[in-house]
Structures are given as structure tokens and as C-alpha cells.
Amino acid sequence: MQSEKPPYLRAVTTDLGRHPSTNPDHEGGSTMWEYLIVELPSFAPPTHAPGASAAAQALNEEGERGWEAVGMTPLADGRVAVLFKRPRRQ
């Protein structure tokens, strides 16, 4: 059972894809990737405490789940959508 995401995180889409890799653990020499797009909460002014903002906390939480942020894009309402990927679990 997957844990529920905090209310400020919203998965927009999940997709699977292939990316060439030299991963010796995967047959055929390619890694299957899983993708996730998440809308971050509004950015707060920077602080001296690393990870203090809700956006930084959201990124760190996804990182702890094995997701790596690979792209970001601004949305019309001022928020940011982040593209994450991780190796597909088989």
C-alpha cells in the first residue's frame, strides 16, 4: 500500500519509458524508468535553514521515496511543476 501524498502535492501523470543505460543488472542494457509530475506548493522567501520551505520539503520527501527531480516548469498560476524519474521497480 502506498502512502498518501500530502495535500499540496498532486501527481499530474505517471508514465513508463526506456532510457539507454549500461546498467548490468538489467537485461538488454536498458533501464525502465517510471515518471511522475508533481505540482509544488508556492515558493516562500528563502531562509537560512535548508529545507525549511514547503517546496523544499516536498522535493526532499520525493527524493526519500527514490524519485530524482529532472525538470521543472512554471505554471500559469505561479506554481511550479516538477518532473521526477526513478528506475521502474520490477
C-alpha atoms as a PDB file:
ATOM      1  CA  MET A   1       0.000   0.000   0.000  1.00  0.00           C
ATOM      2  CA  GLN A   2       1.394   3.390  -0.993  1.00  0.00           C
ATOM      3  CA  SER A   3       1.383   6.214   1.495  1.00  0.00           C
ATOM      4  CA  GLU A   4      -0.929   9.104   0.718  1.00  0.00           C
ATOM      5  CA  LYS A   5       0.720  12.266  -0.554  1.00  0.00           C
ATOM      6  CA  PRO A   6       0.406  15.488   1.420  1.00  0.00           C
ATOM      7  CA  PRO A   7      -2.487  17.644   0.107  1.00  0.00           C
ATOM      8  CA  TYR A   8      -0.156  20.191  -1.507  1.00  0.00           C
ATOM      9  CA  LEU A   9       1.390  17.520  -3.742  1.00  0.00           C
ATOM     10  CA  ARG A  10      -0.638  16.496  -6.731  1.00  0.00           C
ATOM     11  CA  ALA A  11       0.546  13.871  -9.170  1.00  0.00           C
ATOM     12  CA  VAL A  12      -0.396  15.055 -12.629  1.00  0.00           C
ATOM     13  CA  THR A  13       0.631  11.969 -14.578  1.00  0.00           C
ATOM     14  CA  THR A  14       2.685   8.811 -14.335  1.00  0.00           C
ATOM     15  CA  ASP A  15       4.258   7.186 -17.357  1.00  0.00           C
ATOM     16  CA  LEU A  16       6.795   4.492 -18.159  1.00  0.00           C
ATOM     17  CA  GLY A  17       9.665   4.800 -20.572  1.00  0.00           C
ATOM     18  CA  ARG A  18      13.003   3.342 -21.625  1.00  0.00           C
ATOM     19  CA  HIS A  19      16.322   5.095 -21.498  1.00  0.00           C
ATOM     20  CA  PRO A  20      19.586   3.616 -22.758  1.00  0.00           C
ATOM     21  CA  SER A  21      21.800   2.591 -19.872  1.00  0.00           C
ATOM     22  CA  THR A  22      24.792   0.464 -19.130  1.00  0.00           C
ATOM     23  CA  ASN A  23      23.102  -0.946 -16.031  1.00  0.00           C
ATOM     24  CA  PRO A  24      24.477  -4.504 -15.814  1.00  0.00           C
ATOM     25  CA  ASP A  25      21.571  -5.570 -13.574  1.00  0.00           C
ATOM     26  CA  HIS A  26      19.003  -5.020 -16.309  1.00  0.00           C
ATOM     27  CA  GLU A  27      18.784  -7.461 -19.175  1.00  0.00           C
ATOM     28  CA  GLY A  28      19.228  -5.875 -22.579  1.00  0.00           C
ATOM     29  CA  GLY A  29      21.329  -2.967 -21.318  1.00  0.00           C
ATOM     30  CA  SER A  30      18.440  -0.525 -20.830  1.00  0.00           C
ATOM     31  CA  THR A  31      16.692   0.722 -17.720  1.00  0.00           C
ATOM     32  CA  MET A  32      12.936   1.051 -17.490  1.00  0.00           C
ATOM     33  CA  TRP A  33      12.026   4.416 -15.960  1.00  0.00           C
ATOM     34  CA  GLU A  34       8.946   5.496 -14.077  1.00  0.00           C
ATOM     35  CA  TYR A  35       7.973   9.192 -14.332  1.00  0.00           C
ATOM     36  CA  LEU A  36       5.966  11.427 -12.025  1.00  0.00           C
ATOM     37  CA  ILE A  37       4.893  15.061 -12.397  1.00  0.00           C
ATOM     38  CA  VAL A  38       4.152  16.903  -9.164  1.00  0.00           C
ATOM     39  CA  GLU A  39       2.843  20.412  -8.600  1.00  0.00           C
ATOM     40  CA  LEU A  40       4.778  22.051  -5.763  1.00  0.00           C
ATOM     41  CA  PRO A  41       3.302  24.423  -3.204  1.00  0.00           C
ATOM     42  CA  SER A  42       4.036  28.120  -3.687  1.00  0.00           C
ATOM     43  CA  PHE A  43       7.617  29.093  -3.036  1.00  0.00           C
ATOM     44  CA  ALA A  44       8.269  31.045   0.155  1.00  0.00           C
ATOM     45  CA  PRO A  45      11.069  33.576   0.579  1.00  0.00           C
ATOM     46  CA  PRO A  46      14.441  31.889   1.181  1.00  0.00           C
ATOM     47  CA  THR A  47      15.574  31.197   4.726  1.00  0.00           C
ATOM     48  CA  HIS A  48      18.903  30.249   6.268  1.00  0.00           C
ATOM     49  CA  ALA A  49      17.517  26.838   7.288  1.00  0.00           C
ATOM     50  CA  PRO A  50      17.973  24.280   4.474  1.00  0.00           C
ATOM     51  CA  GLY A  51      14.718  22.553   3.552  1.00  0.00           C
ATOM     52  CA  ALA A  52      12.560  24.939   5.603  1.00  0.00           C
ATOM     53  CA  SER A  53      10.114  25.830   2.817  1.00  0.00           C
ATOM     54  CA  ALA A  54       7.158  23.631   1.908  1.00  0.00           C
ATOM     55  CA  ALA A  55       8.502  23.318  -1.651  1.00  0.00           C
ATOM     56  CA  ALA A  56      11.933  22.128  -0.443  1.00  0.00           C
ATOM     57  CA  GLN A  57      10.278  19.700   1.965  1.00  0.00           C
ATOM     58  CA  ALA A  58       8.157  18.308  -0.876  1.00  0.00           C
ATOM     59  CA  LEU A  59      11.252  17.801  -3.059  1.00  0.00           C
ATOM     60  CA  ASN A  60      13.090  16.108  -0.178  1.00  0.00           C
ATOM     61  CA  GLU A  61      10.124  13.810   0.527  1.00  0.00           C
ATOM     62  CA  GLU A  62      10.012  12.650  -3.089  1.00  0.00           C
ATOM     63  CA  GLY A  63      13.783  12.132  -3.005  1.00  0.00           C
ATOM     64  CA  GLU A  64      13.373   9.892   0.044  1.00  0.00           C
ATOM     65  CA  ARG A  65      10.895   7.808  -1.993  1.00  0.00           C
ATOM     66  CA  GLY A  66      13.576   7.292  -4.642  1.00  0.00           C
ATOM     67  CA  TRP A  67      12.446   9.982  -7.093  1.00  0.00           C
ATOM     68  CA  GLU A  68      15.014  12.276  -8.740  1.00  0.00           C
ATOM     69  CA  ALA A  69      13.905  15.710  -9.972  1.00  0.00           C
ATOM     70  CA  VAL A  70      14.970  16.028 -13.615  1.00  0.00           C
ATOM     71  CA  GLY A  71      12.996  19.066 -14.780  1.00  0.00           C
ATOM     72  CA  MET A  72      10.875  21.984 -13.644  1.00  0.00           C
ATOM     73  CA  THR A  73       8.401  24.264 -15.425  1.00  0.00           C
ATOM     74  CA  PRO A  74       6.433  27.289 -14.221  1.00  0.00           C
ATOM     75  CA  LEU A  75       2.639  27.042 -14.320  1.00  0.00           C
ATOM     76  CA  ALA A  76       0.237  29.873 -15.171  1.00  0.00           C
ATOM     77  CA  ASP A  77      -0.795  30.321 -11.521  1.00  0.00           C
ATOM     78  CA  GLY A  78       2.803  30.891 -10.362  1.00  0.00           C
ATOM     79  CA  ARG A  79       3.361  27.408  -9.003  1.00  0.00           C
ATOM     80  CA  VAL A  80       5.958  25.006 -10.387  1.00  0.00           C
ATOM     81  CA  ALA A  81       5.528  21.516 -11.822  1.00  0.00           C
ATOM     82  CA  VAL A  82       8.461  19.160 -11.297  1.00  0.00           C
ATOM     83  CA  LEU A  83       9.254  16.105 -13.404  1.00  0.00           C
ATOM     84  CA  PHE A  84      10.712  13.205 -11.410  1.00  0.00           C
ATOM     85  CA  LYS A  85      12.068   9.854 -12.544  1.00  0.00           C
ATOM     86  CA  ARG A  86      13.275   6.686 -10.880  1.00  0.00           C
ATOM     87  CA  PRO A  87      14.143   3.205 -12.082  1.00  0.00           C
ATOM     88  CA  ARG A  88      10.983   1.152 -12.523  1.00  0.00           C
ATOM     89  CA  ARG A  89      10.563  -1.437  -9.794  1.00  0.00           C
ATOM     90  CA  GLN A  90      10.057  -4.863 -11.256  1.00  0.00           C
END
